PDB file of N, CA and C in Angstrom:
ATOM      1  N   MET A   1      -2.535   3.270  17.198  1.00  0.00           N
ATOM      2  CA  MET A   1      -3.617   2.576  17.710  1.00  0.00           C
ATOM      3  C   MET A   1      -4.663   2.377  17.008  1.00  0.00           C
ATOM      4  N   ALA A   2      -5.016   0.936  17.587  1.00  0.00           N
ATOM      5  CA  ALA A   2      -6.546   0.814  16.194  1.00  0.00           C
ATOM      6  C   ALA A   2      -7.333   0.336  17.457  1.00  0.00           C
ATOM      7  N   THR A   3      -8.786   0.478  17.042  1.00  0.00           N
ATOM      8  CA  THR A   3      -9.245   0.451  17.889  1.00  0.00           C
ATOM      9  C   THR A   3     -10.813  -0.873  17.879  1.00  0.00           C
ATOM     10  N   ASP A   4     -10.864  -1.766  18.394  1.00  0.00           N
ATOM     11  CA  ASP A   4     -11.385  -2.618  17.854  1.00  0.00           C
ATOM     12  C   ASP A   4     -12.789  -2.865  18.272  1.00  0.00           C
ATOM     13  N   THR A   5     -13.852  -2.686  16.764  1.00  0.00           N
ATOM     14  CA  THR A   5     -15.396  -1.963  17.713  1.00  0.00           C
ATOM     15  C   THR A   5     -16.463  -2.861  18.404  1.00  0.00           C
ATOM     16  N   THR A   6     -16.314  -4.249  18.223  1.00  0.00           N
ATOM     17  CA  THR A   6     -16.901  -5.377  18.757  1.00  0.00           C
ATOM     18  C   THR A   6     -16.696  -5.629  19.803  1.00  0.00           C
ATOM     19  N   THR A   7     -15.141  -6.014  20.742  1.00  0.00           N
ATOM     20  CA  THR A   7     -15.223  -6.176  21.714  1.00  0.00           C
ATOM     21  C   THR A   7     -14.730  -4.229  23.100  1.00  0.00           C
ATOM     22  N   ASN A   8     -14.464  -3.419  22.080  1.00  0.00           N
ATOM     23  CA  ASN A   8     -14.119  -2.278  22.685  1.00  0.00           C
ATOM     24  C   ASN A   8     -12.689  -2.544  23.671  1.00  0.00           C
ATOM     25  N   THR A   9     -11.553  -2.816  23.118  1.00  0.00           N
ATOM     26  CA  THR A   9     -10.779  -3.016  23.546  1.00  0.00           C
ATOM     27  C   THR A   9      -9.158  -1.817  22.502  1.00  0.00           C
ATOM     28  N   LYS A  10      -8.708  -1.574  23.126  1.00  0.00           N
ATOM     29  CA  LYS A  10      -7.173  -0.985  22.099  1.00  0.00           C
ATOM     30  C   LYS A  10      -6.358  -1.824  22.594  1.00  0.00           C
ATOM     31  N   GLU A  11      -5.773  -1.848  20.980  1.00  0.00           N
ATOM     32  CA  GLU A  11      -4.695  -2.451  20.163  1.00  0.00           C
ATOM     33  C   GLU A  11      -3.656  -1.225  20.382  1.00  0.00           C
ATOM     34  N   VAL A  12      -2.690  -1.597  21.015  1.00  0.00           N
ATOM     35  CA  VAL A  12      -0.966  -0.809  20.397  1.00  0.00           C
ATOM     36  C   VAL A  12      -0.437  -1.811  20.036  1.00  0.00           C
ATOM     37  N   LYS A  13       0.577  -0.932  19.424  1.00  0.00           N
ATOM     38  CA  LYS A  13       1.106  -1.591  17.976  1.00  0.00           C
ATOM     39  C   LYS A  13       2.784  -1.390  18.796  1.00  0.00           C
ATOM     40  N   ALA A  14       3.450  -2.191  17.879  1.00  0.00           N
ATOM     41  CA  ALA A  14       5.403  -2.014  17.931  1.00  0.00           C
ATOM     42  C   ALA A  14       5.772  -2.286  16.533  1.00  0.00           C
ATOM     43  N   ILE A  15       6.686  -1.069  15.834  1.00  0.00           N
ATOM     44  CA  ILE A  15       6.876  -1.590  14.807  1.00  0.00           C
ATOM     45  C   ILE A  15       8.316  -1.068  14.884  1.00  0.00           C
ATOM     46  N   ALA A  16       9.140  -2.298  14.099  1.00  0.00           N
ATOM     47  CA  ALA A  16      10.622  -2.596  14.011  1.00  0.00           C
ATOM     48  C   ALA A  16      10.669  -2.624  12.761  1.00  0.00           C
ATOM     49  N   ARG A  17      11.441  -1.796  11.833  1.00  0.00           N
ATOM     50  CA  ARG A  17      11.356  -1.262  10.360  1.00  0.00           C
ATOM     51  C   ARG A  17      13.049  -1.656   9.773  1.00  0.00           C
ATOM     52  N   TYR A  18      13.382  -2.323   8.922  1.00  0.00           N
ATOM     53  CA  TYR A  18      14.501  -2.155   8.120  1.00  0.00           C
ATOM     54  C   TYR A  18      15.534  -3.148   8.739  1.00  0.00           C
ATOM     55  N   ILE A  19      14.776  -4.296   9.310  1.00  0.00           N
ATOM     56  CA  ILE A  19      15.139  -5.641   9.945  1.00  0.00           C
ATOM     57  C   ILE A  19      15.962  -5.968   9.114  1.00  0.00           C
ATOM     58  N   ARG A  20      17.547  -6.567   9.489  1.00  0.00           N
ATOM     59  CA  ARG A  20      18.383  -7.178   8.184  1.00  0.00           C
ATOM     60  C   ARG A  20      18.046  -8.774   9.019  1.00  0.00           C
ATOM     61  N   MET A  21      16.740  -8.914   8.042  1.00  0.00           N
ATOM     62  CA  MET A  21      16.324 -10.737   8.368  1.00  0.00           C
ATOM     63  C   MET A  21      15.258 -10.605   7.177  1.00  0.00           C
ATOM     64  N   SER A  22      15.526 -12.163   6.461  1.00  0.00           N
ATOM     65  CA  SER A  22      14.119 -12.503   5.942  1.00  0.00           C
ATOM     66  C   SER A  22      13.038 -12.661   6.414  1.00  0.00           C
ATOM     67  N   PRO A  23      12.221 -12.341   5.930  1.00  0.00           N
ATOM     68  CA  PRO A  23      10.620 -11.790   6.675  1.00  0.00           C
ATOM     69  C   PRO A  23      10.151 -13.303   6.656  1.00  0.00           C
ATOM     70  N   LEU A  24      10.387 -14.546   6.029  1.00  0.00           N
ATOM     71  CA  LEU A  24      10.072 -15.648   5.871  1.00  0.00           C
ATOM     72  C   LEU A  24      10.712 -16.558   7.389  1.00  0.00           C
ATOM     73  N   LYS A  25      12.485 -16.097   7.816  1.00  0.00           N
ATOM     74  CA  LYS A  25      12.851 -16.507   9.026  1.00  0.00           C
ATOM     75  C   LYS A  25      11.818 -15.772  10.147  1.00  0.00           C
ATOM     76  N   VAL A  26      11.564 -14.544   9.880  1.00  0.00           N
ATOM     77  CA  VAL A  26      10.967 -13.838  11.354  1.00  0.00           C
ATOM     78  C   VAL A  26       9.427 -14.545  11.199  1.00  0.00           C
ATOM     79  N   ARG A  27       8.516 -14.752  10.168  1.00  0.00           N
ATOM     80  CA  ARG A  27       7.552 -15.744  10.367  1.00  0.00           C
ATOM     81  C   ARG A  27       7.065 -16.892  10.928  1.00  0.00           C
ATOM     82  N   ARG A  28       8.390 -17.296  11.199  1.00  0.00           N
ATOM     83  CA  ARG A  28       8.396 -18.577  11.581  1.00  0.00           C
ATOM     84  C   ARG A  28       8.046 -18.414  13.034  1.00  0.00           C
ATOM     85  N   VAL A  29       9.137 -17.639  13.358  1.00  0.00           N
ATOM     86  CA  VAL A  29       9.180 -17.219  14.922  1.00  0.00           C
ATOM     87  C   VAL A  29       7.556 -16.283  15.265  1.00  0.00           C
ATOM     88  N   LEU A  30       7.078 -15.501  14.895  1.00  0.00           N
ATOM     89  CA  LEU A  30       5.821 -14.913  15.042  1.00  0.00           C
ATOM     90  C   LEU A  30       4.531 -15.345  15.006  1.00  0.00           C
ATOM     91  N   ASP A  31       4.673 -16.857  13.889  1.00  0.00           N
ATOM     92  CA  ASP A  31       3.873 -17.900  13.987  1.00  0.00           C
ATOM     93  C   ASP A  31       3.545 -18.735  15.498  1.00  0.00           C
ATOM     94  N   GLN A  32       4.339 -18.900  16.071  1.00  0.00           N
ATOM     95  CA  GLN A  32       4.753 -19.123  17.250  1.00  0.00           C
ATOM     96  C   GLN A  32       3.952 -18.747  18.698  1.00  0.00           C
ATOM     97  N   ILE A  33       3.768 -17.391  18.481  1.00  0.00           N
ATOM     98  CA  ILE A  33       3.343 -16.218  19.600  1.00  0.00           C
ATOM     99  C   ILE A  33       1.911 -15.818  19.677  1.00  0.00           C
ATOM    100  N   ARG A  34       1.732 -15.828  18.064  1.00  0.00           N
ATOM    101  CA  ARG A  34       0.690 -14.874  17.768  1.00  0.00           C
ATOM    102  C   ARG A  34      -0.536 -15.554  18.113  1.00  0.00           C
ATOM    103  N   GLY A  35      -1.542 -14.582  19.600  1.00  0.00           N
ATOM    104  CA  GLY A  35      -2.327 -14.804  19.990  1.00  0.00           C
ATOM    105  C   GLY A  35      -2.264 -15.650  21.726  1.00  0.00           C
ATOM    106  N   ARG A  36      -1.189 -15.510  22.210  1.00  0.00           N
ATOM    107  CA  ARG A  36      -0.559 -16.011  23.250  1.00  0.00           C
ATOM    108  C   ARG A  36      -0.151 -14.553  24.355  1.00  0.00           C
ATOM    109  N   SER A  37      -0.551 -15.450  25.479  1.00  0.00           N
ATOM    110  CA  SER A  37      -0.448 -13.923  26.613  1.00  0.00           C
ATOM    111  C   SER A  37       0.959 -13.291  26.134  1.00  0.00           C
ATOM    112  N   TYR A  38       0.811 -12.633  26.596  1.00  0.00           N
ATOM    113  CA  TYR A  38       2.549 -11.624  26.781  1.00  0.00           C
ATOM    114  C   TYR A  38       3.379 -13.064  27.536  1.00  0.00           C
ATOM    115  N   ARG A  39       3.356 -12.713  28.474  1.00  0.00           N
ATOM    116  CA  ARG A  39       4.057 -13.991  30.090  1.00  0.00           C
ATOM    117  C   ARG A  39       4.872 -15.295  29.208  1.00  0.00           C
ATOM    118  N   GLU A  40       3.615 -15.969  28.047  1.00  0.00           N
ATOM    119  CA  GLU A  40       3.958 -16.806  27.635  1.00  0.00           C
ATOM    120  C   GLU A  40       4.608 -16.667  26.681  1.00  0.00           C
ATOM    121  N   ALA A  41       4.615 -15.454  25.809  1.00  0.00           N
ATOM    122  CA  ALA A  41       4.910 -15.052  24.233  1.00  0.00           C
ATOM    123  C   ALA A  41       6.612 -14.948  25.026  1.00  0.00           C
ATOM    124  N   LEU A  42       6.693 -14.315  26.315  1.00  0.00           N
ATOM    125  CA  LEU A  42       7.960 -14.796  26.306  1.00  0.00           C
ATOM    126  C   LEU A  42       8.935 -15.850  26.880  1.00  0.00           C
ATOM    127  N   ILE A  43       7.940 -16.777  27.682  1.00  0.00           N
ATOM    128  CA  ILE A  43       8.978 -17.537  27.862  1.00  0.00           C
ATOM    129  C   ILE A  43       8.906 -18.086  26.437  1.00  0.00           C
ATOM    130  N   ILE A  44       8.465 -18.319  25.932  1.00  0.00           N
ATOM    131  CA  ILE A  44       8.336 -19.405  24.561  1.00  0.00           C
ATOM    132  C   ILE A  44       9.785 -18.544  23.439  1.00  0.00           C
ATOM    133  N   LEU A  45       9.782 -17.600  23.520  1.00  0.00           N
ATOM    134  CA  LEU A  45      10.858 -16.928  22.274  1.00  0.00           C
ATOM    135  C   LEU A  45      12.426 -17.086  23.281  1.00  0.00           C
ATOM    136  N   GLU A  46      12.175 -16.690  24.462  1.00  0.00           N
ATOM    137  CA  GLU A  46      13.592 -17.292  25.644  1.00  0.00           C
ATOM    138  C   GLU A  46      14.565 -18.110  25.291  1.00  0.00           C
ATOM    139  N   PHE A  47      13.250 -19.155  24.987  1.00  0.00           N
ATOM    140  CA  PHE A  47      13.252 -21.170  24.585  1.00  0.00           C
ATOM    141  C   PHE A  47      14.012 -21.558  22.906  1.00  0.00           C
ATOM    142  N   MET A  48      13.533 -20.590  22.040  1.00  0.00           N
ATOM    143  CA  MET A  48      13.587 -20.708  21.160  1.00  0.00           C
ATOM    144  C   MET A  48      14.987 -20.408  20.005  1.00  0.00           C
ATOM    145  N   PRO A  49      15.615 -21.510  19.277  1.00  0.00           N
ATOM    146  CA  PRO A  49      17.011 -21.416  19.225  1.00  0.00           C
ATOM    147  C   PRO A  49      16.552 -20.209  17.824  1.00  0.00           C
ATOM    148  N   TYR A  50      16.491 -19.506  17.342  1.00  0.00           N
ATOM    149  CA  TYR A  50      16.642 -18.454  16.086  1.00  0.00           C
ATOM    150  C   TYR A  50      16.915 -17.566  15.822  1.00  0.00           C
ATOM    151  N   ARG A  51      17.471 -17.148  15.036  1.00  0.00           N
ATOM    152  CA  ARG A  51      18.366 -15.775  15.754  1.00  0.00           C
ATOM    153  C   ARG A  51      16.780 -14.170  15.702  1.00  0.00           C
ATOM    154  N   ALA A  52      16.108 -14.331  15.053  1.00  0.00           N
ATOM    155  CA  ALA A  52      15.029 -13.876  14.784  1.00  0.00           C
ATOM    156  C   ALA A  52      14.174 -13.666  16.429  1.00  0.00           C
ATOM    157  N   CYS A  53      14.383 -14.077  16.956  1.00  0.00           N
ATOM    158  CA  CYS A  53      13.559 -14.220  18.256  1.00  0.00           C
ATOM    159  C   CYS A  53      14.572 -13.234  19.406  1.00  0.00           C
ATOM    160  N   ASP A  54      15.413 -12.668  19.054  1.00  0.00           N
ATOM    161  CA  ASP A  54      16.037 -11.817  20.105  1.00  0.00           C
ATOM    162  C   ASP A  54      15.082 -10.519  19.538  1.00  0.00           C
ATOM    163  N   ILE A  55      15.072 -10.333  18.264  1.00  0.00           N
ATOM    164  CA  ILE A  55      14.725  -8.843  18.033  1.00  0.00           C
ATOM    165  C   ILE A  55      13.150  -8.999  18.165  1.00  0.00           C
ATOM    166  N   VAL A  56      12.296 -10.070  18.000  1.00  0.00           N
ATOM    167  CA  VAL A  56      10.897 -10.075  18.390  1.00  0.00           C
ATOM    168  C   VAL A  56      10.742 -10.169  20.043  1.00  0.00           C
ATOM    169  N   LEU A  57      11.773 -10.349  20.742  1.00  0.00           N
ATOM    170  CA  LEU A  57      11.609 -10.642  22.207  1.00  0.00           C
ATOM    171  C   LEU A  57      11.414  -9.019  22.318  1.00  0.00           C
ATOM    172  N   LYS A  58      12.558  -8.196  21.707  1.00  0.00           N
ATOM    173  CA  LYS A  58      12.672  -6.460  22.346  1.00  0.00           C
ATOM    174  C   LYS A  58      11.575  -6.106  21.521  1.00  0.00           C
ATOM    175  N   LEU A  59      10.760  -6.380  20.774  1.00  0.00           N
ATOM    176  CA  LEU A  59       9.005  -5.747  19.847  1.00  0.00           C
ATOM    177  C   LEU A  59       8.598  -5.640  20.801  1.00  0.00           C
ATOM    178  N   ILE A  60       8.098  -7.344  21.682  1.00  0.00           N
ATOM    179  CA  ILE A  60       6.743  -7.446  22.340  1.00  0.00           C
ATOM    180  C   ILE A  60       7.512  -6.534  23.502  1.00  0.00           C
ATOM    181  N   ARG A  61       8.959  -6.439  24.094  1.00  0.00           N
ATOM    182  CA  ARG A  61       8.625  -5.596  25.004  1.00  0.00           C
ATOM    183  C   ARG A  61       8.110  -4.516  24.795  1.00  0.00           C
ATOM    184  N   SER A  62       8.784  -3.833  23.592  1.00  0.00           N
ATOM    185  CA  SER A  62       8.239  -2.309  23.521  1.00  0.00           C
ATOM    186  C   SER A  62       6.895  -2.503  23.335  1.00  0.00           C
ATOM    187  N   ALA A  63       5.752  -3.161  23.036  1.00  0.00           N
ATOM    188  CA  ALA A  63       4.598  -2.907  22.703  1.00  0.00           C
ATOM    189  C   ALA A  63       3.872  -2.983  24.217  1.00  0.00           C
ATOM    190  N   ALA A  64       4.579  -3.769  24.904  1.00  0.00           N
ATOM    191  CA  ALA A  64       3.778  -4.011  26.498  1.00  0.00           C
ATOM    192  C   ALA A  64       4.116  -2.356  26.873  1.00  0.00           C
ATOM    193  N   ALA A  65       5.261  -2.026  26.683  1.00  0.00           N
ATOM    194  CA  ALA A  65       5.905  -0.476  27.580  1.00  0.00           C
ATOM    195  C   ALA A  65       4.657   0.193  26.873  1.00  0.00           C
ATOM    196  N   ASN A  66       4.490   0.151  25.901  1.00  0.00           N
ATOM    197  CA  ASN A  66       3.636   1.231  25.594  1.00  0.00           C
ATOM    198  C   ASN A  66       2.353   1.306  25.672  1.00  0.00           C
ATOM    199  N   ALA A  67       1.823  -0.267  25.800  1.00  0.00           N
ATOM    200  CA  ALA A  67       0.520  -0.094  26.419  1.00  0.00           C
ATOM    201  C   ALA A  67       0.404   0.635  28.025  1.00  0.00           C
ATOM    202  N   GLU A  68       1.338  -0.196  28.647  1.00  0.00           N
ATOM    203  CA  GLU A  68       1.517   0.451  29.699  1.00  0.00           C
ATOM    204  C   GLU A  68       1.637   1.866  30.254  1.00  0.00           C
ATOM    205  N   HIS A  69       2.636   2.466  29.524  1.00  0.00           N
ATOM    206  CA  HIS A  69       3.027   3.818  29.364  1.00  0.00           C
ATOM    207  C   HIS A  69       2.084   4.793  29.035  1.00  0.00           C
ATOM    208  N   ASN A  70       1.765   4.376  27.703  1.00  0.00           N
ATOM    209  CA  ASN A  70       0.599   5.193  26.976  1.00  0.00           C
ATOM    210  C   ASN A  70      -0.925   4.873  27.133  1.00  0.00           C
ATOM    211  N   ASN A  71      -1.348   4.086  27.094  1.00  0.00           N
ATOM    212  CA  ASN A  71      -2.453   3.540  27.641  1.00  0.00           C
ATOM    213  C   ASN A  71      -3.334   3.137  29.446  1.00  0.00           C
ATOM    214  N   GLY A  72      -2.083   3.321  29.693  1.00  0.00           N
ATOM    215  CA  GLY A  72      -2.277   2.639  31.138  1.00  0.00           C
ATOM    216  C   GLY A  72      -3.042   0.930  31.240  1.00  0.00           C
ATOM    217  N   LEU A  73      -2.583   0.195  30.646  1.00  0.00           N
ATOM    218  CA  LEU A  73      -2.777  -1.448  30.371  1.00  0.00           C
ATOM    219  C   LEU A  73      -2.134  -1.879  31.273  1.00  0.00           C
ATOM    220  N   ASP A  74      -2.646  -3.262  31.952  1.00  0.00           N
ATOM    221  CA  ASP A  74      -1.965  -4.090  32.422  1.00  0.00           C
ATOM    222  C   ASP A  74      -0.936  -4.998  31.884  1.00  0.00           C
ATOM    223  N   ARG A  75       0.360  -5.100  32.645  1.00  0.00           N
ATOM    224  CA  ARG A  75       0.918  -6.320  31.259  1.00  0.00           C
ATOM    225  C   ARG A  75       0.708  -7.542  31.453  1.00  0.00           C
ATOM    226  N   THR A  76       0.507  -7.881  33.154  1.00  0.00           N
ATOM    227  CA  THR A  76      -0.092  -9.535  32.954  1.00  0.00           C
ATOM    228  C   THR A  76      -1.274  -9.308  32.393  1.00  0.00           C
ATOM    229  N   GLN A  77      -2.156  -8.739  31.715  1.00  0.00           N
ATOM    230  CA  GLN A  77      -3.258  -9.063  31.377  1.00  0.00           C
ATOM    231  C   GLN A  77      -3.129  -9.115  29.396  1.00  0.00           C
ATOM    232  N   LEU A  78      -1.927  -8.678  29.153  1.00  0.00           N
ATOM    233  CA  LEU A  78      -1.969  -8.588  27.615  1.00  0.00           C
ATOM    234  C   LEU A  78      -2.249  -9.845  26.901  1.00  0.00           C
ATOM    235  N   VAL A  79      -2.475  -9.794  25.716  1.00  0.00           N
ATOM    236  CA  VAL A  79      -2.562 -10.779  24.959  1.00  0.00           C
ATOM    237  C   VAL A  79      -1.781 -10.121  23.395  1.00  0.00           C
ATOM    238  N   ILE A  80      -1.231 -11.434  22.253  1.00  0.00           N
ATOM    239  CA  ILE A  80      -0.451 -10.572  21.512  1.00  0.00           C
ATOM    240  C   ILE A  80      -1.734 -11.353  20.366  1.00  0.00           C
ATOM    241  N   THR A  81      -2.784  -9.612  19.564  1.00  0.00           N
ATOM    242  CA  THR A  81      -3.362 -10.252  18.970  1.00  0.00           C
ATOM    243  C   THR A  81      -2.682 -10.215  17.089  1.00  0.00           C
ATOM    244  N   GLN A  82      -1.762  -9.051  17.094  1.00  0.00           N
ATOM    245  CA  GLN A  82      -1.881  -9.141  15.567  1.00  0.00           C
ATOM    246  C   GLN A  82       0.151  -9.523  15.977  1.00  0.00           C
ATOM    247  N   ALA A  83       0.466 -10.207  14.654  1.00  0.00           N
ATOM    248  CA  ALA A  83       2.136 -10.334  14.692  1.00  0.00           C
ATOM    249  C   ALA A  83       2.099 -10.921  13.320  1.00  0.00           C
ATOM    250  N   TYR A  84       3.101 -10.000  12.471  1.00  0.00           N
ATOM    251  CA  TYR A  84       3.104 -10.233  11.397  1.00  0.00           C
ATOM    252  C   TYR A  84       4.513  -9.246  10.712  1.00  0.00           C
ATOM    253  N   ALA A  85       5.297 -10.089   9.724  1.00  0.00           N
ATOM    254  CA  ALA A  85       6.269  -9.235   9.015  1.00  0.00           C
ATOM    255  C   ALA A  85       5.927  -9.274   7.088  1.00  0.00           C
ATOM    256  N   ASP A  86       6.032  -7.680   7.338  1.00  0.00           N
ATOM    257  CA  ASP A  86       6.143  -7.564   6.064  1.00  0.00           C
ATOM    258  C   ASP A  86       7.656  -7.166   5.017  1.00  0.00           C
ATOM    259  N   GLN A  87       7.750  -7.499   3.763  1.00  0.00           N
ATOM    260  CA  GLN A  87       8.933  -7.546   2.989  1.00  0.00           C
ATOM    261  C   GLN A  87       9.818  -5.895   2.981  1.00  0.00           C
ATOM    262  N   GLY A  88      10.756  -5.912   3.502  1.00  0.00           N
ATOM    263  CA  GLY A  88      11.200  -4.385   3.347  1.00  0.00           C
ATOM    264  C   GLY A  88      12.352  -4.048   2.080  1.00  0.00           C
ATOM    265  N   PRO A  89      12.638  -3.284   1.636  1.00  0.00           N
ATOM    266  CA  PRO A  89      14.194  -3.154   0.896  1.00  0.00           C
ATOM    267  C   PRO A  89      14.806  -4.342   0.506  1.00  0.00           C
ATOM    268  N   VAL A  90      15.129  -4.853  -0.555  1.00  0.00           N
ATOM    269  CA  VAL A  90      16.349  -5.698  -0.651  1.00  0.00           C
ATOM    270  C   VAL A  90      17.149  -5.100  -0.987  1.00  0.00           C
ATOM    271  N   LEU A  91      18.844  -5.190   0.114  1.00  0.00           N
ATOM    272  CA  LEU A  91      20.294  -4.817  -0.766  1.00  0.00           C
ATOM    273  C   LEU A  91      20.518  -5.584  -1.931  1.00  0.00           C
ATOM    274  N   LYS A  92      21.610  -5.218  -2.684  1.00  0.00           N
ATOM    275  CA  LYS A  92      22.250  -5.805  -3.498  1.00  0.00           C
ATOM    276  C   LYS A  92      23.232  -5.320  -3.556  1.00  0.00           C
ATOM    277  N   ARG A  93      23.858  -6.655  -3.387  1.00  0.00           N
ATOM    278  CA  ARG A  93      25.651  -7.067  -3.325  1.00  0.00           C
ATOM    279  C   ARG A  93      25.947  -7.566  -4.654  1.00  0.00           C
ATOM    280  N   PHE A  94      26.911  -7.654  -4.938  1.00  0.00           N
ATOM    281  CA  PHE A  94      28.111  -8.638  -5.399  1.00  0.00           C
ATOM    282  C   PHE A  94      28.771  -9.163  -5.469  1.00  0.00           C
ATOM    283  N   GLN A  95      29.024 -10.533  -5.442  1.00  0.00           N
ATOM    284  CA  GLN A  95      30.227 -11.491  -4.981  1.00  0.00           C
ATOM    285  C   GLN A  95      31.276 -11.477  -6.274  1.00  0.00           C
ATOM    286  N   PRO A  96      32.443 -11.539  -6.491  1.00  0.00           N
ATOM    287  CA  PRO A  96      32.854 -11.733  -7.503  1.00  0.00           C
ATOM    288  C   PRO A  96      33.437 -13.290  -7.664  1.00  0.00           C
ATOM    289  N   ARG A  97      32.943 -14.279  -8.897  1.00  0.00           N
ATOM    290  CA  ARG A  97      33.416 -15.351  -9.120  1.00  0.00           C
ATOM    291  C   ARG A  97      34.576 -15.395 -10.119  1.00  0.00           C
ATOM    292  N   ALA A  98      34.338 -16.754 -10.202  1.00  0.00           N
ATOM    293  CA  ALA A  98      35.525 -17.447 -11.356  1.00  0.00           C
ATOM    294  C   ALA A  98      35.737 -16.211 -12.557  1.00  0.00           C
ATOM    295  N   GLN A  99      36.332 -16.569 -13.243  1.00  0.00           N
ATOM    296  CA  GLN A  99      36.643 -16.016 -15.267  1.00  0.00           C
ATOM    297  C   GLN A  99      35.877 -14.606 -15.345  1.00  0.00           C
ATOM    298  N   GLY A 100      36.335 -14.142 -13.823  1.00  0.00           N
ATOM    299  CA  GLY A 100      35.581 -12.156 -13.768  1.00  0.00           C
ATOM    300  C   GLY A 100      34.295 -12.200 -14.006  1.00  0.00           C
ATOM    301  N   ARG A 101      33.625 -13.215 -13.757  1.00  0.00           N
ATOM    302  CA  ARG A 101      32.027 -13.083 -13.429  1.00  0.00           C
ATOM    303  C   ARG A 101      31.725 -12.431 -12.011  1.00  0.00           C
ATOM    304  N   ALA A 102      30.707 -11.789 -12.095  1.00  0.00           N
ATOM    305  CA  ALA A 102      29.811 -11.033 -10.520  1.00  0.00           C
ATOM    306  C   ALA A 102      28.604 -11.560 -10.440  1.00  0.00           C
ATOM    307  N   TYR A 103      28.803 -12.821  -9.176  1.00  0.00           N
ATOM    308  CA  TYR A 103      26.922 -13.138  -9.415  1.00  0.00           C
ATOM    309  C   TYR A 103      26.516 -12.116  -7.820  1.00  0.00           C
ATOM    310  N   GLN A 104      25.006 -12.125  -7.927  1.00  0.00           N
ATOM    311  CA  GLN A 104      24.382 -10.884  -7.282  1.00  0.00           C
ATOM    312  C   GLN A 104      23.883 -11.627  -5.527  1.00  0.00           C
ATOM    313  N   ILE A 105      24.308 -10.635  -4.939  1.00  0.00           N
ATOM    314  CA  ILE A 105      23.853 -11.316  -3.897  1.00  0.00           C
ATOM    315  C   ILE A 105      22.917 -10.297  -2.932  1.00  0.00           C
ATOM    316  N   ARG A 106      21.369 -11.452  -2.470  1.00  0.00           N
ATOM    317  CA  ARG A 106      20.448 -10.349  -2.312  1.00  0.00           C
ATOM    318  C   ARG A 106      20.254 -10.029  -0.684  1.00  0.00           C
ATOM    319  N   LYS A 107      20.364  -9.059  -0.263  1.00  0.00           N
ATOM    320  CA  LYS A 107      20.631  -9.183   1.461  1.00  0.00           C
ATOM    321  C   LYS A 107      18.916  -9.025   1.605  1.00  0.00           C
ATOM    322  N   PRO A 108      18.197  -9.424   2.405  1.00  0.00           N
ATOM    323  CA  PRO A 108      16.814  -8.970   2.399  1.00  0.00           C
ATOM    324  C   PRO A 108      16.302  -8.328   3.601  1.00  0.00           C
ATOM    325  N   THR A 109      15.127  -6.959   3.642  1.00  0.00           N
ATOM    326  CA  THR A 109      15.077  -6.418   5.143  1.00  0.00           C
ATOM    327  C   THR A 109      13.456  -6.873   5.361  1.00  0.00           C
ATOM    328  N   CYS A 110      12.851  -6.807   6.730  1.00  0.00           N
ATOM    329  CA  CYS A 110      11.975  -6.521   6.496  1.00  0.00           C
ATOM    330  C   CYS A 110      11.286  -5.511   7.955  1.00  0.00           C
ATOM    331  N   HIS A 111      10.178  -5.777   7.930  1.00  0.00           N
ATOM    332  CA  HIS A 111       9.017  -4.511   8.572  1.00  0.00           C
ATOM    333  C   HIS A 111       8.429  -5.741   9.764  1.00  0.00           C
ATOM    334  N   ILE A 112       8.971  -5.512  10.688  1.00  0.00           N
ATOM    335  CA  ILE A 112       8.069  -6.181  12.225  1.00  0.00           C
ATOM    336  C   ILE A 112       6.645  -5.599  12.352  1.00  0.00           C
ATOM    337  N   THR A 113       5.734  -6.130  12.992  1.00  0.00           N
ATOM    338  CA  THR A 113       4.553  -5.610  13.097  1.00  0.00           C
ATOM    339  C   THR A 113       4.134  -6.503  14.397  1.00  0.00           C
ATOM    340  N   VAL A 114       4.093  -5.787  15.784  1.00  0.00           N
ATOM    341  CA  VAL A 114       3.630  -6.741  17.009  1.00  0.00           C
ATOM    342  C   VAL A 114       2.593  -5.523  17.712  1.00  0.00           C
ATOM    343  N   ALA A 115       1.149  -6.064  17.760  1.00  0.00           N
ATOM    344  CA  ALA A 115      -0.402  -5.720  18.400  1.00  0.00           C
ATOM    345  C   ALA A 115       0.014  -6.236  19.653  1.00  0.00           C
ATOM    346  N   VAL A 116      -1.019  -5.500  20.879  1.00  0.00           N
ATOM    347  CA  VAL A 116      -0.842  -6.356  21.988  1.00  0.00           C
ATOM    348  C   VAL A 116      -2.400  -5.497  21.896  1.00  0.00           C
ATOM    349  N   ALA A 117      -3.092  -6.357  23.099  1.00  0.00           N
ATOM    350  CA  ALA A 117      -4.601  -5.779  23.903  1.00  0.00           C
ATOM    351  C   ALA A 117      -4.947  -6.421  24.991  1.00  0.00           C
ATOM    352  N   GLU A 118      -5.428  -5.923  25.413  1.00  0.00           N
ATOM    353  CA  GLU A 118      -6.254  -6.446  26.956  1.00  0.00           C
ATOM    354  C   GLU A 118      -6.720  -7.426  26.649  1.00  0.00           C
ATOM    355  N   GLY A 119      -6.619  -8.684  27.328  1.00  0.00           N
ATOM    356  CA  GLY A 119      -7.676  -9.582  27.013  1.00  0.00           C
ATOM    357  C   GLY A 119      -7.556 -10.424  28.324  1.00  0.00           C
ATOM    358  N   ALA A 120      -8.385 -11.720  28.314  1.00  0.00           N
ATOM    359  CA  ALA A 120      -8.204 -12.343  29.352  1.00  0.00           C
ATOM    360  C   ALA A 120      -6.587 -13.314  29.175  1.00  0.00           C
ATOM    361  N   ALA A 121      -5.505 -13.126  30.761  1.00  0.00           N
ATOM    362  CA  ALA A 121      -4.315 -13.594  30.337  1.00  0.00           C
ATOM    363  C   ALA A 121      -4.582 -14.993  30.599  1.00  0.00           C
ATOM    364  N   ALA A 122      -4.050 -16.401  29.458  1.00  0.00           N
ATOM    365  CA  ALA A 122      -3.714 -17.721  29.732  1.00  0.00           C
ATOM    366  C   ALA A 122      -3.009 -18.004  30.802  1.00  0.00           C
ATOM    367  N   LYS A 123      -3.054 -18.782  31.570  1.00  0.00           N
ATOM    368  CA  LYS A 123      -2.244 -19.218  32.968  1.00  0.00           C
ATOM    369  C   LYS A 123      -1.877 -20.411  32.379  1.00  0.00           C
TER     370      LYS A 123
END
């Protein structure tokens, strides 16, 4: 939990680690919800066609539950202040190819962080 010194509001985080997805594909989703209200973000994620939406939706709900249960914040007033995806370890696998060769397959993972804070909810 981080505290913003300028407005004196508490940020509550939720982190999902080792997600088997490319961080670039997750960032495409996170860019759409950063800075939006909690309810608006839920609606956007519900109708986006990407696989990363399910994980991000679950993570936003977790951050809101953390804020409500641990800090007593109101879900309706929450705004997504931070949302980012960092690269995790890469799983390296090999695919057999013609004439006895082996091609390397890289399976990326990522760590997703979402932070929410109480602010003016957009209507």
